[in-house]
């Protein structure tokens, strides 16, 4: 088996939204290559559970890192992609969307406008 790329494991971030298939972290690096972070377009017909998953993920990141940059590490590329370019933005130039070491940060102004509950002390799920 090929050597897996190095990847920071985020302690304190839940693995996902309980009772759903929405994951926030991955267990190990992808041996076939790093999944890229993309800017996914959010449609108006997203379910309340999908919106809650975004809010819960943002809540976990905010309460662990605040407005400080953080490494992508084992954070799920799919979950980041739903917020990327809006609530989560690159914290470095050039930004490599296929790197586990890529630095990201929360755009607090946009995040508070989109998911105000994510910035409260407690988020009910």
N, C-alpha and C. Protein backbone atom coordinates (compact mmCIF):
# COMPACT_ATOMS: atom_id res chain seq x y z
N UNK A 1 0.84 -1.17 0.00
CA UNK A 1 0.00 0.00 0.00
C UNK A 1 0.89 1.25 0.00
N UNK A 2 0.49 2.22 -0.79
CA UNK A 2 1.26 3.46 -0.89
C UNK A 2 1.17 4.24 0.42
N UNK A 3 2.22 5.03 0.68
CA UNK A 3 2.24 5.85 1.88
C UNK A 3 1.20 6.97 1.73
N UNK A 4 0.34 7.11 2.74
CA UNK A 4 -0.69 8.13 2.72
C UNK A 4 -0.10 9.49 3.03
N UNK A 5 -0.64 10.56 2.42
CA UNK A 5 -0.13 11.89 2.72
C UNK A 5 -0.38 12.27 4.18
N UNK A 6 0.46 13.16 4.70
CA UNK A 6 0.29 13.67 6.06
C UNK A 6 -1.00 14.48 6.13
N UNK A 7 -1.69 14.37 7.27
CA UNK A 7 -2.97 15.05 7.41
C UNK A 7 -3.20 15.35 8.89
N UNK A 8 -3.43 16.61 9.21
CA UNK A 8 -3.74 17.01 10.59
C UNK A 8 -5.10 16.47 10.97
N UNK A 9 -5.18 15.88 12.15
CA UNK A 9 -6.46 15.40 12.68
C UNK A 9 -7.00 16.47 13.63
N UNK A 10 -8.19 16.95 13.34
CA UNK A 10 -8.81 17.99 14.16
C UNK A 10 -9.52 17.37 15.35
N UNK A 11 -8.94 17.51 16.51
CA UNK A 11 -9.59 17.05 17.74
C UNK A 11 -10.57 18.14 18.16
N UNK A 12 -11.76 17.75 18.55
CA UNK A 12 -12.75 18.72 18.96
C UNK A 12 -13.81 18.99 17.90
N UNK A 13 -13.61 18.51 16.69
CA UNK A 13 -14.62 18.63 15.64
C UNK A 13 -15.38 17.30 15.61
N UNK A 14 -16.71 17.34 15.70
CA UNK A 14 -17.48 16.08 15.63
C UNK A 14 -17.26 15.39 14.29
N UNK A 15 -17.44 14.09 14.25
CA UNK A 15 -17.26 13.35 13.00
C UNK A 15 -18.38 13.65 12.00
N UNK A 16 -19.52 14.09 12.49
CA UNK A 16 -20.63 14.41 11.60
C UNK A 16 -21.85 14.85 12.38
N UNK A 17 -22.95 15.04 11.66
CA UNK A 17 -24.21 15.42 12.29
C UNK A 17 -24.93 14.15 12.73
N UNK A 18 -25.16 13.98 14.03
CA UNK A 18 -25.78 12.75 14.53
C UNK A 18 -27.12 12.44 13.84
N UNK A 19 -27.32 11.18 13.54
CA UNK A 19 -28.57 10.72 12.95
C UNK A 19 -28.70 10.97 11.46
N UNK A 20 -27.63 11.45 10.83
CA UNK A 20 -27.66 11.71 9.38
C UNK A 20 -26.40 11.11 8.76
N UNK A 21 -26.31 11.18 7.46
CA UNK A 21 -25.10 10.73 6.77
C UNK A 21 -24.12 11.86 6.51
N UNK A 22 -24.37 13.03 7.07
CA UNK A 22 -23.50 14.18 6.83
C UNK A 22 -22.27 14.10 7.71
N UNK A 23 -21.10 14.01 7.09
CA UNK A 23 -19.87 13.91 7.86
C UNK A 23 -19.11 15.22 7.83
N UNK A 24 -18.35 15.45 8.91
CA UNK A 24 -17.54 16.66 9.05
C UNK A 24 -16.05 16.36 8.91
N UNK A 25 -15.66 15.14 9.26
CA UNK A 25 -14.25 14.75 9.18
C UNK A 25 -14.12 13.42 8.46
N UNK A 26 -12.90 13.15 8.00
CA UNK A 26 -12.59 11.86 7.40
C UNK A 26 -11.59 11.15 8.31
N UNK A 27 -11.56 9.83 8.25
CA UNK A 27 -10.70 9.06 9.15
C UNK A 27 -9.25 9.05 8.73
N UNK A 28 -9.03 8.94 7.42
CA UNK A 28 -7.66 8.83 6.92
C UNK A 28 -7.56 9.52 5.57
N UNK A 29 -6.34 9.80 5.18
CA UNK A 29 -6.08 10.43 3.88
C UNK A 29 -6.53 9.49 2.76
N UNK A 30 -6.95 10.06 1.66
CA UNK A 30 -7.40 9.29 0.51
C UNK A 30 -6.18 8.76 -0.25
N UNK A 31 -6.02 7.44 -0.36
CA UNK A 31 -4.85 6.90 -1.05
C UNK A 31 -4.84 7.19 -2.55
N UNK A 32 -5.99 7.55 -3.12
CA UNK A 32 -6.07 7.86 -4.56
C UNK A 32 -5.87 9.34 -4.84
N UNK A 33 -5.60 10.12 -3.81
CA UNK A 33 -5.39 11.55 -4.00
C UNK A 33 -6.36 12.36 -3.16
N UNK A 34 -5.99 13.59 -2.91
CA UNK A 34 -6.78 14.48 -2.06
C UNK A 34 -8.01 14.97 -2.83
N UNK A 35 -9.18 14.86 -2.21
CA UNK A 35 -10.40 15.39 -2.83
C UNK A 35 -10.32 16.91 -2.82
N UNK A 36 -10.56 17.55 -3.97
CA UNK A 36 -10.43 19.01 -4.02
C UNK A 36 -11.60 19.71 -3.33
N UNK A 37 -11.30 20.89 -2.80
CA UNK A 37 -12.35 21.76 -2.27
C UNK A 37 -12.85 22.58 -3.45
N UNK A 38 -14.15 22.62 -3.63
CA UNK A 38 -14.74 23.40 -4.72
C UNK A 38 -15.79 24.35 -4.13
N UNK A 39 -16.25 25.26 -4.92
CA UNK A 39 -17.30 26.17 -4.49
C UNK A 39 -18.62 25.59 -4.99
N UNK A 40 -19.37 24.94 -4.11
CA UNK A 40 -20.66 24.34 -4.49
C UNK A 40 -21.76 25.39 -4.39
N UNK A 41 -22.58 25.41 -5.40
CA UNK A 41 -23.70 26.34 -5.42
C UNK A 41 -24.84 25.79 -4.58
N UNK A 42 -25.32 26.59 -3.63
CA UNK A 42 -26.43 26.16 -2.79
C UNK A 42 -27.73 26.57 -3.45
N UNK A 43 -28.62 25.60 -3.58
CA UNK A 43 -29.92 25.85 -4.20
C UNK A 43 -30.95 26.15 -3.12
N UNK A 44 -32.02 26.79 -3.50
CA UNK A 44 -33.08 27.18 -2.56
C UNK A 44 -33.83 25.98 -1.99
N UNK A 45 -33.77 24.84 -2.67
CA UNK A 45 -34.54 23.67 -2.22
C UNK A 45 -33.77 22.76 -1.26
N UNK A 46 -32.66 23.25 -0.67
CA UNK A 46 -31.93 22.44 0.29
C UNK A 46 -32.81 22.17 1.51
N UNK A 47 -32.69 20.97 2.06
CA UNK A 47 -33.52 20.59 3.20
C UNK A 47 -33.03 21.27 4.48
N UNK A 48 -33.89 21.29 5.47
CA UNK A 48 -33.51 21.89 6.75
C UNK A 48 -32.37 21.10 7.40
N UNK A 49 -32.29 19.79 7.15
CA UNK A 49 -31.21 18.98 7.69
C UNK A 49 -29.88 19.35 7.05
N UNK A 50 -29.88 19.62 5.75
CA UNK A 50 -28.65 20.06 5.07
C UNK A 50 -28.18 21.41 5.63
N UNK A 51 -29.11 22.31 5.85
CA UNK A 51 -28.77 23.62 6.41
C UNK A 51 -28.26 23.48 7.84
N UNK A 52 -28.86 22.57 8.60
CA UNK A 52 -28.40 22.33 9.97
C UNK A 52 -26.99 21.75 9.97
N UNK A 53 -26.69 20.86 9.02
CA UNK A 53 -25.34 20.29 8.93
C UNK A 53 -24.32 21.41 8.67
N UNK A 54 -24.64 22.34 7.78
CA UNK A 54 -23.74 23.47 7.52
C UNK A 54 -23.54 24.30 8.78
N UNK A 55 -24.64 24.61 9.46
CA UNK A 55 -24.58 25.43 10.67
C UNK A 55 -23.78 24.72 11.77
N UNK A 56 -23.99 23.42 11.94
CA UNK A 56 -23.28 22.66 12.98
C UNK A 56 -21.79 22.58 12.68
N UNK A 57 -21.44 22.40 11.41
CA UNK A 57 -20.03 22.35 11.01
C UNK A 57 -19.37 23.71 11.27
N UNK A 58 -20.03 24.78 10.85
CA UNK A 58 -19.51 26.13 11.07
C UNK A 58 -19.41 26.44 12.56
N UNK A 59 -20.39 25.99 13.34
CA UNK A 59 -20.38 26.18 14.79
C UNK A 59 -19.15 25.51 15.41
N UNK A 60 -18.88 24.28 15.01
CA UNK A 60 -17.72 23.55 15.55
C UNK A 60 -16.41 24.26 15.19
N UNK A 61 -16.29 24.69 13.95
CA UNK A 61 -15.08 25.40 13.52
C UNK A 61 -14.91 26.72 14.26
N UNK A 62 -16.01 27.48 14.38
CA UNK A 62 -15.94 28.79 15.03
C UNK A 62 -15.50 28.66 16.49
N UNK A 63 -16.07 27.66 17.18
CA UNK A 63 -15.77 27.52 18.60
C UNK A 63 -14.40 26.90 18.85
N UNK A 64 -13.79 26.32 17.84
CA UNK A 64 -12.44 25.79 17.97
C UNK A 64 -11.39 26.81 17.51
N UNK A 65 -11.68 27.53 16.41
CA UNK A 65 -10.68 28.41 15.81
C UNK A 65 -11.05 29.90 15.79
N UNK A 66 -12.30 30.24 15.92
CA UNK A 66 -12.70 31.64 15.84
C UNK A 66 -12.32 32.22 14.49
N UNK A 67 -11.73 33.41 14.50
CA UNK A 67 -11.36 34.04 13.23
C UNK A 67 -9.91 33.74 12.82
N UNK A 68 -9.26 32.79 13.52
CA UNK A 68 -7.89 32.40 13.20
C UNK A 68 -7.86 31.40 12.03
N UNK A 69 -6.81 31.42 11.21
CA UNK A 69 -6.68 30.43 10.14
C UNK A 69 -6.54 29.02 10.72
N UNK A 70 -7.01 28.04 9.96
CA UNK A 70 -6.89 26.64 10.37
C UNK A 70 -6.55 25.80 9.15
N UNK A 71 -5.89 24.69 9.40
CA UNK A 71 -5.49 23.78 8.33
C UNK A 71 -6.67 22.88 7.94
N UNK A 72 -6.77 22.59 6.65
CA UNK A 72 -7.84 21.71 6.19
C UNK A 72 -7.77 20.35 6.86
N UNK A 73 -6.61 19.73 6.88
CA UNK A 73 -6.43 18.45 7.56
C UNK A 73 -7.48 17.42 7.20
N UNK A 74 -8.09 16.82 8.23
CA UNK A 74 -9.06 15.75 7.99
C UNK A 74 -10.50 16.26 7.89
N UNK A 75 -10.67 17.56 7.67
CA UNK A 75 -12.03 18.08 7.47
C UNK A 75 -12.54 17.61 6.10
N UNK A 76 -13.80 17.23 6.05
CA UNK A 76 -14.39 16.68 4.84
C UNK A 76 -14.49 17.74 3.74
N UNK A 77 -13.92 17.44 2.57
CA UNK A 77 -13.92 18.38 1.45
C UNK A 77 -15.34 18.70 0.98
N UNK A 78 -16.22 17.72 1.01
CA UNK A 78 -17.61 17.94 0.60
C UNK A 78 -18.31 18.94 1.50
N UNK A 79 -18.14 18.81 2.81
CA UNK A 79 -18.78 19.72 3.76
C UNK A 79 -18.18 21.11 3.64
N UNK A 80 -16.84 21.21 3.51
CA UNK A 80 -16.21 22.52 3.31
C UNK A 80 -16.75 23.17 2.04
N UNK A 81 -16.90 22.37 0.99
CA UNK A 81 -17.30 22.91 -0.31
C UNK A 81 -18.66 23.59 -0.29
N UNK A 82 -19.57 23.16 0.59
CA UNK A 82 -20.88 23.82 0.68
C UNK A 82 -20.75 25.23 1.25
N UNK A 83 -19.67 25.51 1.97
CA UNK A 83 -19.46 26.82 2.59
C UNK A 83 -18.34 27.61 1.93
N UNK A 84 -17.55 26.96 1.07
CA UNK A 84 -16.35 27.57 0.50
C UNK A 84 -16.68 28.74 -0.42
N UNK A 85 -15.89 29.78 -0.26
CA UNK A 85 -16.07 30.98 -1.08
C UNK A 85 -17.07 31.95 -0.48
N UNK A 86 -17.73 31.53 0.60
CA UNK A 86 -18.68 32.38 1.30
C UNK A 86 -18.29 32.43 2.78
N UNK A 87 -18.76 31.46 3.56
CA UNK A 87 -18.48 31.44 5.00
C UNK A 87 -17.06 30.98 5.31
N UNK A 88 -16.51 30.11 4.50
CA UNK A 88 -15.13 29.64 4.64
C UNK A 88 -14.36 30.09 3.41
N UNK A 89 -13.24 30.76 3.64
CA UNK A 89 -12.45 31.32 2.55
C UNK A 89 -10.98 30.91 2.71
N UNK A 90 -10.21 30.98 1.62
CA UNK A 90 -8.78 30.70 1.74
C UNK A 90 -8.10 31.69 2.68
N UNK A 91 -7.11 31.22 3.42
CA UNK A 91 -6.35 32.08 4.32
C UNK A 91 -4.93 32.26 3.82
N UNK A 92 -4.68 31.85 2.58
CA UNK A 92 -3.34 31.97 2.01
C UNK A 92 -3.44 32.12 0.49
N UNK A 93 -2.42 32.73 -0.07
CA UNK A 93 -2.29 32.85 -1.52
C UNK A 93 -0.90 32.36 -1.89
N UNK A 94 -0.75 31.51 -2.85
CA UNK A 94 -1.82 30.85 -3.58
C UNK A 94 -2.48 29.76 -2.73
N UNK A 95 -3.73 29.48 -3.04
CA UNK A 95 -4.49 28.47 -2.31
C UNK A 95 -4.51 27.19 -3.12
N UNK A 96 -4.18 26.07 -2.50
CA UNK A 96 -4.19 24.77 -3.17
C UNK A 96 -5.40 23.98 -2.68
N UNK A 97 -6.47 23.86 -3.49
CA UNK A 97 -7.67 23.14 -3.06
C UNK A 97 -7.48 21.63 -2.91
N UNK A 98 -6.31 21.11 -3.33
CA UNK A 98 -6.03 19.68 -3.24
C UNK A 98 -4.95 19.38 -2.21
N UNK A 99 -4.85 20.22 -1.19
CA UNK A 99 -3.82 20.02 -0.17
C UNK A 99 -4.46 19.87 1.21
N UNK A 100 -4.00 18.87 1.95
CA UNK A 100 -4.45 18.71 3.33
C UNK A 100 -3.85 19.81 4.22
N UNK A 101 -2.79 20.48 3.74
CA UNK A 101 -2.16 21.53 4.51
C UNK A 101 -2.70 22.93 4.17
N UNK A 102 -3.65 23.02 3.26
CA UNK A 102 -4.22 24.32 2.86
C UNK A 102 -4.81 25.03 4.07
N UNK A 103 -4.58 26.34 4.13
CA UNK A 103 -5.10 27.13 5.24
C UNK A 103 -6.41 27.81 4.85
N UNK A 104 -7.37 27.71 5.76
CA UNK A 104 -8.69 28.29 5.57
C UNK A 104 -8.99 29.20 6.76
N UNK A 105 -10.02 30.01 6.62
CA UNK A 105 -10.50 30.81 7.75
C UNK A 105 -11.99 31.07 7.55
N UNK A 106 -12.64 31.43 8.63
CA UNK A 106 -14.07 31.75 8.58
C UNK A 106 -14.22 33.24 8.32
N UNK A 107 -15.07 33.58 7.34
CA UNK A 107 -15.43 34.98 7.11
C UNK A 107 -16.59 35.26 8.06
N UNK A 108 -16.29 35.85 9.19
CA UNK A 108 -17.28 36.02 10.25
C UNK A 108 -18.50 36.82 9.80
N UNK A 109 -18.29 37.88 9.04
CA UNK A 109 -19.41 38.72 8.59
C UNK A 109 -20.40 37.91 7.75
N UNK A 110 -19.89 37.17 6.79
CA UNK A 110 -20.75 36.35 5.93
C UNK A 110 -21.37 35.21 6.73
N UNK A 111 -20.58 34.58 7.58
CA UNK A 111 -21.07 33.47 8.39
C UNK A 111 -22.21 33.87 9.30
N UNK A 112 -22.07 35.01 9.97
CA UNK A 112 -23.14 35.49 10.86
C UNK A 112 -24.40 35.83 10.09
N UNK A 113 -24.26 36.32 8.87
CA UNK A 113 -25.43 36.64 8.05
C UNK A 113 -26.13 35.37 7.57
N UNK A 114 -25.36 34.35 7.21
CA UNK A 114 -25.93 33.11 6.67
C UNK A 114 -26.43 32.16 7.75
N UNK A 115 -25.63 31.98 8.81
CA UNK A 115 -25.92 31.01 9.86
C UNK A 115 -25.71 31.64 11.23
N UNK A 116 -26.57 32.56 11.65
CA UNK A 116 -26.35 33.25 12.94
C UNK A 116 -26.29 32.29 14.13
N UNK A 117 -27.04 31.20 14.09
CA UNK A 117 -27.05 30.25 15.21
C UNK A 117 -25.69 29.58 15.40
N UNK A 118 -24.88 29.50 14.34
CA UNK A 118 -23.57 28.86 14.42
C UNK A 118 -22.62 29.63 15.34
N UNK A 119 -22.91 30.87 15.61
CA UNK A 119 -22.03 31.70 16.41
C UNK A 119 -22.51 31.84 17.86
N UNK A 120 -23.62 31.20 18.17
CA UNK A 120 -24.12 31.19 19.55
C UNK A 120 -23.29 30.22 20.37
N UNK A 121 -23.36 30.32 21.68
CA UNK A 121 -22.60 29.42 22.55
C UNK A 121 -23.04 27.97 22.40
N UNK A 122 -24.33 27.75 22.22
CA UNK A 122 -24.89 26.41 22.10
C UNK A 122 -25.73 26.34 20.84
N UNK A 123 -25.56 25.27 20.06
CA UNK A 123 -26.37 25.05 18.86
C UNK A 123 -27.21 23.80 19.10
N UNK A 124 -28.50 23.95 19.07
CA UNK A 124 -29.40 22.80 19.25
C UNK A 124 -29.48 22.01 17.96
N UNK A 125 -29.18 20.70 18.03
CA UNK A 125 -29.29 19.85 16.84
C UNK A 125 -30.31 18.77 17.04
